[in-house]
N, C-alpha and C. Protein backbone atom coordinates (compact mmCIF):
# COMPACT_ATOMS: atom_id res chain seq x y z
N MET A 1 -2.66 65.13 -77.39
CA MET A 1 -2.53 66.55 -77.12
C MET A 1 -1.88 66.75 -75.75
N THR A 2 -1.00 67.67 -75.68
CA THR A 2 -0.44 68.04 -74.39
C THR A 2 -0.87 69.48 -74.11
N ALA A 3 -2.10 69.62 -73.68
CA ALA A 3 -2.65 70.95 -73.42
C ALA A 3 -2.01 71.55 -72.18
N GLN A 4 -1.64 72.78 -72.27
CA GLN A 4 -0.97 73.45 -71.16
C GLN A 4 -1.85 74.52 -70.51
N THR A 5 -2.61 75.22 -71.30
CA THR A 5 -3.41 76.33 -70.77
C THR A 5 -4.89 75.99 -70.86
N TRP A 6 -5.68 76.68 -70.04
CA TRP A 6 -7.13 76.50 -70.08
C TRP A 6 -7.66 76.85 -71.47
N GLU A 7 -7.12 77.86 -72.10
CA GLU A 7 -7.58 78.24 -73.45
C GLU A 7 -7.33 77.11 -74.45
N GLN A 8 -6.18 76.45 -74.36
CA GLN A 8 -5.91 75.31 -75.25
C GLN A 8 -6.87 74.15 -74.96
N ILE A 9 -7.12 73.89 -73.69
CA ILE A 9 -8.04 72.82 -73.32
C ILE A 9 -9.45 73.15 -73.80
N ARG A 10 -9.88 74.39 -73.63
CA ARG A 10 -11.22 74.79 -74.11
C ARG A 10 -11.34 74.58 -75.61
N GLN A 11 -10.32 74.95 -76.35
CA GLN A 11 -10.36 74.78 -77.81
C GLN A 11 -10.40 73.29 -78.17
N TRP A 12 -9.58 72.49 -77.49
CA TRP A 12 -9.58 71.04 -77.73
C TRP A 12 -10.94 70.45 -77.41
N ARG A 13 -11.54 70.86 -76.28
CA ARG A 13 -12.87 70.36 -75.91
C ARG A 13 -13.91 70.73 -76.96
N LYS A 14 -13.84 71.95 -77.46
CA LYS A 14 -14.79 72.38 -78.49
C LYS A 14 -14.67 71.50 -79.72
N GLU A 15 -13.46 71.23 -80.16
CA GLU A 15 -13.24 70.38 -81.33
C GLU A 15 -13.76 68.96 -81.08
N GLN A 16 -13.47 68.42 -79.91
CA GLN A 16 -13.96 67.07 -79.57
C GLN A 16 -15.48 67.05 -79.52
N ARG A 17 -16.07 68.05 -78.87
CA ARG A 17 -17.52 68.15 -78.75
C ARG A 17 -18.18 68.16 -80.12
N ASP A 18 -17.68 69.01 -81.02
CA ASP A 18 -18.25 69.11 -82.37
C ASP A 18 -18.17 67.78 -83.10
N ALA A 19 -17.01 67.12 -83.01
CA ALA A 19 -16.82 65.83 -83.70
C ALA A 19 -17.73 64.76 -83.11
N LEU A 20 -17.84 64.71 -81.78
CA LEU A 20 -18.67 63.69 -81.13
C LEU A 20 -20.16 63.89 -81.43
N ILE A 21 -20.61 65.14 -81.45
CA ILE A 21 -22.02 65.40 -81.76
C ILE A 21 -22.30 65.01 -83.20
N THR A 22 -21.40 65.32 -84.10
CA THR A 22 -21.58 64.94 -85.51
C THR A 22 -21.69 63.42 -85.64
N ARG A 23 -20.82 62.68 -84.95
CA ARG A 23 -20.88 61.21 -84.98
C ARG A 23 -22.18 60.70 -84.38
N ARG A 24 -22.59 61.30 -83.28
CA ARG A 24 -23.81 60.87 -82.60
C ARG A 24 -25.04 61.11 -83.46
N MET A 25 -25.07 62.23 -84.14
CA MET A 25 -26.21 62.55 -85.01
C MET A 25 -26.29 61.60 -86.21
N ALA A 26 -25.17 60.98 -86.58
CA ALA A 26 -25.13 60.09 -87.74
C ALA A 26 -25.46 58.63 -87.40
N VAL A 27 -25.71 58.33 -86.13
CA VAL A 27 -26.04 56.95 -85.73
C VAL A 27 -27.32 56.53 -86.44
N THR A 28 -27.33 55.31 -86.97
CA THR A 28 -28.51 54.82 -87.68
C THR A 28 -29.66 54.59 -86.71
N PRO A 29 -30.90 54.69 -87.19
CA PRO A 29 -32.04 54.43 -86.30
C PRO A 29 -31.98 53.03 -85.66
N HIS A 30 -31.52 52.04 -86.41
CA HIS A 30 -31.41 50.68 -85.88
C HIS A 30 -30.44 50.64 -84.70
N ASP A 31 -29.23 51.21 -84.89
CA ASP A 31 -28.24 51.21 -83.81
C ASP A 31 -28.71 52.04 -82.63
N ARG A 32 -29.33 53.19 -82.90
CA ARG A 32 -29.82 54.05 -81.82
C ARG A 32 -30.84 53.30 -80.97
N LYS A 33 -31.74 52.57 -81.61
CA LYS A 33 -32.77 51.81 -80.88
C LYS A 33 -32.11 50.72 -80.04
N LEU A 34 -31.22 49.96 -80.63
CA LEU A 34 -30.53 48.87 -79.92
C LEU A 34 -29.72 49.41 -78.75
N TRP A 35 -28.91 50.44 -78.99
CA TRP A 35 -28.08 51.01 -77.94
C TRP A 35 -28.94 51.61 -76.83
N SER A 36 -30.03 52.26 -77.21
CA SER A 36 -30.91 52.88 -76.21
C SER A 36 -31.54 51.83 -75.30
N GLU A 37 -31.92 50.69 -75.87
CA GLU A 37 -32.48 49.61 -75.05
C GLU A 37 -31.44 49.12 -74.04
N GLN A 38 -30.19 49.03 -74.48
CA GLN A 38 -29.12 48.57 -73.57
C GLN A 38 -28.84 49.60 -72.48
N ILE A 39 -28.88 50.88 -72.84
CA ILE A 39 -28.68 51.93 -71.84
C ILE A 39 -29.84 51.92 -70.84
N THR A 40 -31.06 51.75 -71.34
CA THR A 40 -32.22 51.68 -70.46
C THR A 40 -32.06 50.55 -69.45
N ASP A 41 -31.60 49.39 -69.91
CA ASP A 41 -31.35 48.27 -69.00
C ASP A 41 -30.31 48.66 -67.94
N GLY A 42 -29.26 49.34 -68.35
CA GLY A 42 -28.23 49.77 -67.42
C GLY A 42 -28.75 50.75 -66.39
N ILE A 43 -29.60 51.68 -66.81
CA ILE A 43 -30.20 52.64 -65.87
C ILE A 43 -31.08 51.90 -64.87
N THR A 44 -31.92 51.00 -65.37
CA THR A 44 -32.84 50.26 -64.52
C THR A 44 -32.08 49.44 -63.48
N GLN A 45 -31.04 48.74 -63.92
CA GLN A 45 -30.24 47.92 -63.00
C GLN A 45 -29.51 48.79 -61.97
N THR A 46 -28.97 49.91 -62.42
CA THR A 46 -28.24 50.80 -61.51
C THR A 46 -29.18 51.39 -60.47
N LEU A 47 -30.37 51.82 -60.89
CA LEU A 47 -31.31 52.40 -59.95
C LEU A 47 -31.88 51.36 -58.99
N ALA A 48 -31.93 50.11 -59.41
CA ALA A 48 -32.39 49.06 -58.49
C ALA A 48 -31.43 48.93 -57.31
N ALA A 49 -30.14 49.22 -57.55
CA ALA A 49 -29.13 49.13 -56.50
C ALA A 49 -28.97 50.45 -55.75
N LYS A 50 -29.52 51.54 -56.29
CA LYS A 50 -29.41 52.86 -55.68
C LYS A 50 -30.81 53.47 -55.63
N PRO A 51 -31.64 53.00 -54.71
CA PRO A 51 -33.02 53.47 -54.68
C PRO A 51 -33.12 55.00 -54.62
N ALA A 52 -34.09 55.51 -55.34
CA ALA A 52 -34.31 56.95 -55.43
C ALA A 52 -35.78 57.25 -55.20
N THR A 53 -36.06 58.49 -54.82
CA THR A 53 -37.44 58.94 -54.72
C THR A 53 -37.75 60.01 -55.76
N LEU A 54 -36.71 60.76 -56.19
CA LEU A 54 -36.90 61.85 -57.14
C LEU A 54 -35.77 61.82 -58.16
N LEU A 55 -36.11 61.52 -59.39
CA LEU A 55 -35.14 61.39 -60.48
C LEU A 55 -35.16 62.63 -61.36
N GLY A 56 -34.02 63.29 -61.47
CA GLY A 56 -33.86 64.37 -62.44
C GLY A 56 -33.35 63.75 -63.73
N PHE A 57 -34.02 64.07 -64.83
CA PHE A 57 -33.56 63.57 -66.13
C PHE A 57 -33.57 64.75 -67.10
N TYR A 58 -33.38 64.50 -68.37
CA TYR A 58 -33.26 65.58 -69.34
C TYR A 58 -34.09 65.26 -70.57
N TRP A 59 -34.51 66.29 -71.27
CA TRP A 59 -35.20 66.15 -72.54
C TRP A 59 -34.14 65.98 -73.61
N PRO A 60 -34.25 64.99 -74.50
CA PRO A 60 -33.16 64.72 -75.46
C PRO A 60 -32.92 65.88 -76.43
N PHE A 61 -31.66 66.06 -76.77
CA PHE A 61 -31.21 67.19 -77.58
C PHE A 61 -30.04 66.71 -78.44
N ARG A 62 -30.08 67.01 -79.72
CA ARG A 62 -28.97 66.74 -80.64
C ARG A 62 -28.48 65.29 -80.61
N GLY A 63 -29.42 64.35 -80.71
CA GLY A 63 -29.07 62.95 -80.84
C GLY A 63 -28.72 62.24 -79.55
N GLU A 64 -29.01 62.86 -78.39
CA GLU A 64 -28.74 62.21 -77.11
C GLU A 64 -29.62 60.98 -76.90
N TYR A 65 -29.20 60.12 -76.00
CA TYR A 65 -30.05 59.03 -75.53
C TYR A 65 -31.34 59.66 -75.00
N ASP A 66 -32.47 59.10 -75.38
CA ASP A 66 -33.77 59.61 -74.96
C ASP A 66 -34.18 58.91 -73.66
N ALA A 67 -34.07 59.62 -72.55
CA ALA A 67 -34.37 59.06 -71.23
C ALA A 67 -35.86 59.10 -70.89
N ARG A 68 -36.68 59.70 -71.75
CA ARG A 68 -38.11 59.83 -71.41
C ARG A 68 -38.80 58.50 -71.19
N PRO A 69 -38.63 57.49 -72.05
CA PRO A 69 -39.34 56.23 -71.79
C PRO A 69 -38.98 55.57 -70.46
N VAL A 70 -37.70 55.53 -70.10
CA VAL A 70 -37.32 54.91 -68.83
C VAL A 70 -37.82 55.76 -67.66
N ALA A 71 -37.76 57.08 -67.80
CA ALA A 71 -38.24 57.95 -66.73
C ALA A 71 -39.74 57.75 -66.53
N GLU A 72 -40.49 57.66 -67.61
CA GLU A 72 -41.94 57.46 -67.49
C GLU A 72 -42.27 56.10 -66.91
N ALA A 73 -41.50 55.06 -67.26
CA ALA A 73 -41.71 53.73 -66.68
C ALA A 73 -41.42 53.75 -65.19
N LEU A 74 -40.37 54.44 -64.78
CA LEU A 74 -40.03 54.55 -63.37
C LEU A 74 -41.08 55.38 -62.62
N HIS A 75 -41.62 56.39 -63.29
CA HIS A 75 -42.69 57.20 -62.69
C HIS A 75 -43.92 56.33 -62.43
N ALA A 76 -44.23 55.44 -63.36
CA ALA A 76 -45.38 54.54 -63.19
C ALA A 76 -45.19 53.61 -61.99
N GLN A 77 -43.92 53.42 -61.60
CA GLN A 77 -43.60 52.59 -60.42
C GLN A 77 -43.51 53.42 -59.14
N GLY A 78 -43.80 54.72 -59.23
CA GLY A 78 -43.85 55.56 -58.04
C GLY A 78 -42.73 56.57 -57.89
N LEU A 79 -41.78 56.61 -58.81
CA LEU A 79 -40.68 57.56 -58.72
C LEU A 79 -41.15 58.93 -59.20
N ARG A 80 -40.83 59.98 -58.44
CA ARG A 80 -41.13 61.34 -58.87
C ARG A 80 -40.05 61.77 -59.87
N LEU A 81 -40.42 62.70 -60.76
CA LEU A 81 -39.51 63.14 -61.83
C LEU A 81 -39.31 64.65 -61.80
N ALA A 82 -38.19 65.07 -62.36
CA ALA A 82 -37.90 66.49 -62.50
C ALA A 82 -37.09 66.72 -63.78
N LEU A 83 -37.28 67.89 -64.37
CA LEU A 83 -36.52 68.29 -65.55
C LEU A 83 -35.72 69.56 -65.22
N PRO A 84 -34.54 69.71 -65.85
CA PRO A 84 -33.73 70.91 -65.60
C PRO A 84 -34.25 72.12 -66.37
N VAL A 85 -34.04 73.28 -65.78
CA VAL A 85 -34.43 74.54 -66.41
C VAL A 85 -33.23 75.48 -66.34
N VAL A 86 -32.88 76.06 -67.48
CA VAL A 86 -31.84 77.09 -67.53
C VAL A 86 -32.50 78.41 -67.16
N LEU A 87 -32.06 79.00 -66.05
CA LEU A 87 -32.60 80.29 -65.62
C LEU A 87 -31.85 81.44 -66.29
N ARG A 88 -30.53 81.27 -66.40
CA ARG A 88 -29.69 82.24 -67.09
C ARG A 88 -28.35 81.56 -67.38
N MET A 89 -27.60 82.13 -68.29
CA MET A 89 -26.31 81.57 -68.66
C MET A 89 -25.33 81.70 -67.48
N LYS A 90 -24.40 80.77 -67.41
CA LYS A 90 -23.36 80.75 -66.38
C LYS A 90 -23.93 80.72 -64.97
N ALA A 91 -25.04 79.99 -64.82
CA ALA A 91 -25.68 79.85 -63.51
C ALA A 91 -26.11 78.40 -63.34
N PRO A 92 -26.33 77.97 -62.09
CA PRO A 92 -26.83 76.60 -61.89
C PRO A 92 -28.21 76.41 -62.51
N LEU A 93 -28.52 75.15 -62.82
CA LEU A 93 -29.84 74.79 -63.30
C LEU A 93 -30.81 74.77 -62.13
N GLU A 94 -32.08 74.91 -62.43
CA GLU A 94 -33.14 74.69 -61.46
C GLU A 94 -33.88 73.45 -61.92
N PHE A 95 -34.26 72.58 -61.00
CA PHE A 95 -35.04 71.41 -61.38
C PHE A 95 -36.48 71.63 -60.97
N ARG A 96 -37.39 71.35 -61.91
CA ARG A 96 -38.82 71.50 -61.66
C ARG A 96 -39.51 70.15 -61.77
N ALA A 97 -40.47 69.95 -60.89
CA ALA A 97 -41.24 68.70 -60.90
C ALA A 97 -41.88 68.51 -62.27
N TYR A 98 -41.88 67.27 -62.73
CA TYR A 98 -42.44 66.93 -64.04
C TYR A 98 -43.38 65.75 -63.90
N GLN A 99 -44.53 65.87 -64.50
CA GLN A 99 -45.49 64.78 -64.60
C GLN A 99 -45.63 64.43 -66.07
N PRO A 100 -45.48 63.16 -66.46
CA PRO A 100 -45.70 62.81 -67.86
C PRO A 100 -47.08 63.31 -68.31
N GLY A 101 -47.09 63.98 -69.43
CA GLY A 101 -48.33 64.55 -69.96
C GLY A 101 -48.62 65.93 -69.40
N GLY A 102 -47.80 66.41 -68.46
CA GLY A 102 -48.01 67.74 -67.88
C GLY A 102 -47.69 68.84 -68.87
N ARG A 103 -48.16 70.05 -68.55
CA ARG A 103 -47.97 71.19 -69.45
C ARG A 103 -46.49 71.58 -69.50
N LEU A 104 -46.00 71.74 -70.72
CA LEU A 104 -44.61 72.15 -70.95
C LEU A 104 -44.60 73.46 -71.72
N GLU A 105 -43.50 74.19 -71.58
CA GLU A 105 -43.29 75.39 -72.38
C GLU A 105 -41.88 75.31 -72.95
N SER A 106 -41.60 76.17 -73.89
CA SER A 106 -40.29 76.16 -74.55
C SER A 106 -39.27 76.91 -73.71
N GLY A 107 -38.15 76.23 -73.43
CA GLY A 107 -37.07 76.83 -72.67
C GLY A 107 -35.93 77.23 -73.59
N VAL A 108 -34.76 77.43 -73.01
CA VAL A 108 -33.57 77.78 -73.78
C VAL A 108 -33.30 76.69 -74.81
N TRP A 109 -32.88 77.07 -75.99
CA TRP A 109 -32.63 76.18 -77.13
C TRP A 109 -33.88 75.41 -77.53
N ALA A 110 -35.07 75.95 -77.19
CA ALA A 110 -36.37 75.35 -77.52
C ALA A 110 -36.56 73.97 -76.88
N ILE A 111 -35.84 73.71 -75.79
CA ILE A 111 -35.99 72.45 -75.06
C ILE A 111 -37.20 72.60 -74.13
N PRO A 112 -38.16 71.66 -74.18
CA PRO A 112 -39.34 71.77 -73.32
C PRO A 112 -38.98 71.71 -71.83
N ILE A 113 -39.66 72.54 -71.07
CA ILE A 113 -39.50 72.58 -69.61
C ILE A 113 -40.88 72.60 -68.96
N PRO A 114 -40.99 72.10 -67.73
CA PRO A 114 -42.28 72.13 -67.05
C PRO A 114 -42.73 73.57 -66.81
N ALA A 115 -44.00 73.81 -67.08
CA ALA A 115 -44.57 75.13 -66.84
C ALA A 115 -45.21 75.15 -65.45
N ASP A 116 -44.94 76.17 -64.70
CA ASP A 116 -45.60 76.37 -63.40
C ASP A 116 -45.48 75.17 -62.47
N SER A 117 -44.31 74.61 -62.35
CA SER A 117 -44.09 73.48 -61.46
C SER A 117 -43.23 73.89 -60.27
N GLU A 118 -43.34 73.11 -59.19
CA GLU A 118 -42.54 73.40 -58.02
C GLU A 118 -41.06 73.10 -58.27
N VAL A 119 -40.20 73.85 -57.61
CA VAL A 119 -38.76 73.61 -57.68
C VAL A 119 -38.45 72.48 -56.70
N VAL A 120 -37.67 71.50 -57.16
CA VAL A 120 -37.35 70.32 -56.37
C VAL A 120 -35.85 70.04 -56.43
N VAL A 121 -35.38 69.16 -55.54
CA VAL A 121 -33.97 68.75 -55.54
C VAL A 121 -33.93 67.24 -55.72
N PRO A 122 -33.54 66.75 -56.90
CA PRO A 122 -33.47 65.30 -57.14
C PRO A 122 -32.42 64.63 -56.26
N ASP A 123 -32.67 63.35 -55.95
CA ASP A 123 -31.65 62.58 -55.24
C ASP A 123 -30.81 61.75 -56.20
N VAL A 124 -31.28 61.59 -57.44
CA VAL A 124 -30.51 60.96 -58.50
C VAL A 124 -30.69 61.79 -59.77
N LEU A 125 -29.59 62.01 -60.50
CA LEU A 125 -29.65 62.74 -61.76
C LEU A 125 -29.14 61.88 -62.90
N LEU A 126 -29.91 61.84 -63.99
CA LEU A 126 -29.39 61.33 -65.26
C LEU A 126 -28.79 62.54 -65.96
N VAL A 127 -27.52 62.47 -66.28
CA VAL A 127 -26.80 63.60 -66.87
C VAL A 127 -26.33 63.20 -68.27
N PRO A 128 -26.72 63.98 -69.30
CA PRO A 128 -26.32 63.62 -70.66
C PRO A 128 -24.82 63.81 -70.88
N LEU A 129 -24.25 62.88 -71.63
CA LEU A 129 -22.82 62.92 -71.96
C LEU A 129 -22.64 63.17 -73.45
N VAL A 130 -21.88 64.18 -73.80
CA VAL A 130 -21.38 64.29 -75.17
C VAL A 130 -20.14 63.41 -75.24
N GLY A 131 -19.27 63.57 -74.27
CA GLY A 131 -18.07 62.75 -74.14
C GLY A 131 -17.81 62.48 -72.66
N PHE A 132 -16.90 61.56 -72.39
CA PHE A 132 -16.56 61.21 -71.02
C PHE A 132 -15.23 60.48 -71.02
N ASP A 133 -14.61 60.44 -69.84
CA ASP A 133 -13.35 59.69 -69.76
C ASP A 133 -13.47 58.58 -68.73
N ARG A 134 -12.41 57.80 -68.59
CA ARG A 134 -12.44 56.63 -67.72
C ARG A 134 -12.61 56.97 -66.25
N ARG A 135 -12.35 58.20 -65.88
CA ARG A 135 -12.49 58.60 -64.48
C ARG A 135 -13.88 59.17 -64.17
N GLY A 136 -14.76 59.19 -65.18
CA GLY A 136 -16.12 59.67 -64.96
C GLY A 136 -16.32 61.15 -65.21
N PHE A 137 -15.29 61.84 -65.68
CA PHE A 137 -15.46 63.25 -66.01
C PHE A 137 -16.19 63.35 -67.35
N ARG A 138 -17.06 64.34 -67.46
CA ARG A 138 -17.90 64.45 -68.65
C ARG A 138 -17.56 65.68 -69.47
N LEU A 139 -17.80 65.52 -70.75
CA LEU A 139 -17.73 66.62 -71.70
C LEU A 139 -19.17 66.89 -72.09
N GLY A 140 -19.66 68.07 -71.75
CA GLY A 140 -21.03 68.45 -72.10
C GLY A 140 -21.01 69.41 -73.27
N TYR A 141 -21.94 70.36 -73.25
CA TYR A 141 -22.04 71.32 -74.34
C TYR A 141 -21.19 72.56 -74.13
N GLY A 142 -20.50 72.64 -73.00
CA GLY A 142 -19.57 73.73 -72.78
C GLY A 142 -20.10 74.87 -71.92
N GLY A 143 -21.35 74.78 -71.49
CA GLY A 143 -21.91 75.86 -70.67
C GLY A 143 -21.63 75.72 -69.19
N GLY A 144 -21.18 74.53 -68.75
CA GLY A 144 -20.87 74.32 -67.34
C GLY A 144 -22.09 74.21 -66.44
N PHE A 145 -23.27 74.02 -67.02
CA PHE A 145 -24.49 74.02 -66.22
C PHE A 145 -24.51 72.93 -65.15
N TYR A 146 -24.18 71.69 -65.53
CA TYR A 146 -24.24 70.61 -64.55
C TYR A 146 -23.17 70.75 -63.47
N ASP A 147 -21.96 71.15 -63.85
CA ASP A 147 -20.91 71.34 -62.84
C ASP A 147 -21.32 72.43 -61.85
N ARG A 148 -21.86 73.55 -62.34
CA ARG A 148 -22.30 74.62 -61.44
C ARG A 148 -23.45 74.14 -60.55
N THR A 149 -24.35 73.38 -61.13
CA THR A 149 -25.51 72.90 -60.38
C THR A 149 -25.08 71.97 -59.27
N LEU A 150 -24.23 70.98 -59.60
CA LEU A 150 -23.77 70.04 -58.58
C LEU A 150 -22.99 70.74 -57.48
N ALA A 151 -22.18 71.72 -57.84
CA ALA A 151 -21.39 72.45 -56.85
C ALA A 151 -22.28 73.28 -55.92
N ALA A 152 -23.44 73.72 -56.40
CA ALA A 152 -24.31 74.59 -55.62
C ALA A 152 -25.40 73.85 -54.84
N MET A 153 -25.61 72.58 -55.12
CA MET A 153 -26.71 71.86 -54.47
C MET A 153 -26.44 71.65 -52.99
N PRO A 154 -27.49 71.76 -52.16
CA PRO A 154 -27.31 71.59 -50.72
C PRO A 154 -26.87 70.16 -50.36
N ARG A 155 -27.33 69.19 -51.13
CA ARG A 155 -26.86 67.81 -50.97
C ARG A 155 -26.68 67.27 -52.38
N ARG A 156 -25.55 66.65 -52.57
CA ARG A 156 -25.24 66.20 -53.92
C ARG A 156 -26.01 64.92 -54.25
N PRO A 157 -26.73 64.92 -55.38
CA PRO A 157 -27.42 63.70 -55.79
C PRO A 157 -26.44 62.69 -56.38
N ILE A 158 -26.88 61.46 -56.49
CA ILE A 158 -26.11 60.45 -57.22
C ILE A 158 -26.20 60.83 -58.70
N THR A 159 -25.06 60.86 -59.38
CA THR A 159 -25.04 61.27 -60.78
C THR A 159 -24.76 60.08 -61.68
N LEU A 160 -25.68 59.86 -62.60
CA LEU A 160 -25.53 58.81 -63.60
C LEU A 160 -25.33 59.47 -64.95
N GLY A 161 -24.08 59.50 -65.42
CA GLY A 161 -23.79 60.04 -66.74
C GLY A 161 -24.26 59.03 -67.78
N VAL A 162 -25.03 59.50 -68.76
CA VAL A 162 -25.67 58.61 -69.73
C VAL A 162 -25.31 59.04 -71.15
N GLY A 163 -24.78 58.09 -71.93
CA GLY A 163 -24.45 58.39 -73.32
C GLY A 163 -23.95 57.17 -74.06
N PHE A 164 -23.68 57.35 -75.32
CA PHE A 164 -23.20 56.26 -76.16
C PHE A 164 -21.69 56.10 -76.00
N SER A 165 -21.22 54.87 -76.09
CA SER A 165 -19.80 54.58 -75.86
C SER A 165 -18.89 55.29 -76.86
N MET A 166 -19.41 55.70 -78.01
CA MET A 166 -18.59 56.43 -78.99
C MET A 166 -18.06 57.74 -78.41
N GLY A 167 -18.59 58.18 -77.26
CA GLY A 167 -18.14 59.41 -76.63
C GLY A 167 -16.96 59.23 -75.70
N MET A 168 -16.46 58.00 -75.57
CA MET A 168 -15.34 57.71 -74.67
C MET A 168 -14.06 58.38 -75.17
N LEU A 169 -13.43 59.14 -74.29
CA LEU A 169 -12.16 59.80 -74.56
C LEU A 169 -11.14 59.31 -73.54
N GLU A 170 -9.89 59.38 -73.88
CA GLU A 170 -8.85 59.00 -72.92
C GLU A 170 -8.91 59.91 -71.70
N THR A 171 -9.09 61.20 -71.94
CA THR A 171 -9.26 62.18 -70.87
C THR A 171 -10.01 63.37 -71.44
N ILE A 172 -10.64 64.13 -70.55
CA ILE A 172 -11.22 65.41 -70.97
C ILE A 172 -10.35 66.56 -70.46
N TYR A 173 -9.20 66.22 -69.87
CA TYR A 173 -8.32 67.19 -69.22
C TYR A 173 -9.11 67.94 -68.14
N PRO A 174 -9.58 67.20 -67.11
CA PRO A 174 -10.42 67.82 -66.09
C PRO A 174 -9.71 68.96 -65.37
N GLN A 175 -10.51 69.97 -65.04
CA GLN A 175 -10.06 71.14 -64.32
C GLN A 175 -10.71 71.15 -62.93
N GLU A 176 -10.34 72.11 -62.11
CA GLU A 176 -10.88 72.18 -60.75
C GLU A 176 -12.40 72.23 -60.72
N HIS A 177 -13.02 72.87 -61.70
CA HIS A 177 -14.47 73.04 -61.70
C HIS A 177 -15.22 71.80 -62.23
N ASP A 178 -14.53 70.85 -62.83
CA ASP A 178 -15.17 69.65 -63.37
C ASP A 178 -15.50 68.67 -62.26
N ILE A 179 -16.71 68.14 -62.26
CA ILE A 179 -17.16 67.20 -61.25
C ILE A 179 -17.44 65.86 -61.93
N PRO A 180 -16.80 64.78 -61.48
CA PRO A 180 -17.01 63.48 -62.14
C PRO A 180 -18.38 62.89 -61.80
N MET A 181 -18.87 62.07 -62.71
CA MET A 181 -20.10 61.33 -62.49
C MET A 181 -19.82 60.19 -61.52
N ASP A 182 -20.83 59.80 -60.76
CA ASP A 182 -20.67 58.64 -59.88
C ASP A 182 -20.66 57.35 -60.68
N VAL A 183 -21.47 57.31 -61.73
CA VAL A 183 -21.58 56.14 -62.61
C VAL A 183 -21.72 56.64 -64.04
N VAL A 184 -21.09 55.96 -64.99
CA VAL A 184 -21.28 56.25 -66.41
C VAL A 184 -21.96 55.04 -67.02
N ILE A 185 -23.07 55.28 -67.72
CA ILE A 185 -23.84 54.20 -68.34
C ILE A 185 -23.84 54.40 -69.84
N THR A 186 -23.36 53.37 -70.56
CA THR A 186 -23.39 53.35 -72.02
C THR A 186 -24.12 52.07 -72.45
N GLU A 187 -24.18 51.86 -73.75
CA GLU A 187 -24.81 50.63 -74.24
C GLU A 187 -23.99 49.40 -73.91
N HIS A 188 -22.74 49.57 -73.49
CA HIS A 188 -21.90 48.42 -73.16
C HIS A 188 -21.93 48.05 -71.70
N LYS A 189 -21.99 49.06 -70.81
CA LYS A 189 -21.96 48.74 -69.38
C LYS A 189 -22.16 50.00 -68.55
N ALA A 190 -22.30 49.77 -67.27
CA ALA A 190 -22.30 50.86 -66.29
C ALA A 190 -20.99 50.73 -65.51
N THR A 191 -20.27 51.84 -65.40
CA THR A 191 -19.00 51.82 -64.69
C THR A 191 -18.98 52.94 -63.65
N VAL A 192 -18.34 52.66 -62.56
CA VAL A 192 -18.19 53.68 -61.52
C VAL A 192 -17.09 54.64 -61.95
N GLY A 193 -17.38 55.94 -61.82
CA GLY A 193 -16.41 56.96 -62.21
C GLY A 193 -15.30 57.09 -61.21
């Protein structure tokens, strides 16, 4: 594709997003388990080299890698956790402290969010990838939440884009508002963006 306008790029991204989510949802349970174990190893190894005190992660949605087990294992080792909360559309996310087993309520798209928790600023973020390119730019769900959040944070956390390698694209046609991940972790490897 030789996209020229933002409208053409938006349409192309929508088509790619829909196709990638469909492929991701069709992954067999066996492959999902195997790939998830490999991604977990990549997260663990990456965080060993980039010590953190507060990890922002996400609740899995539409066939994403489930980061809850690795987050809970890291919490057991002393790492504090946070989950993102959508306050309103076209606005940055807020991160709230999360304790495994803590009270949750239903957020936007029925994704669980911490109820009555303090607002925190993670120093490392696990960011879900629908798609991504070799330069570390990500294709998300199209709401721009993570890009807005990273642009608005007082100090930028280390960003670990997490997803299955089937989401690799030659490019996402990054725009000025797109912020690349510091590291992309798939079942094959972790690469610097």
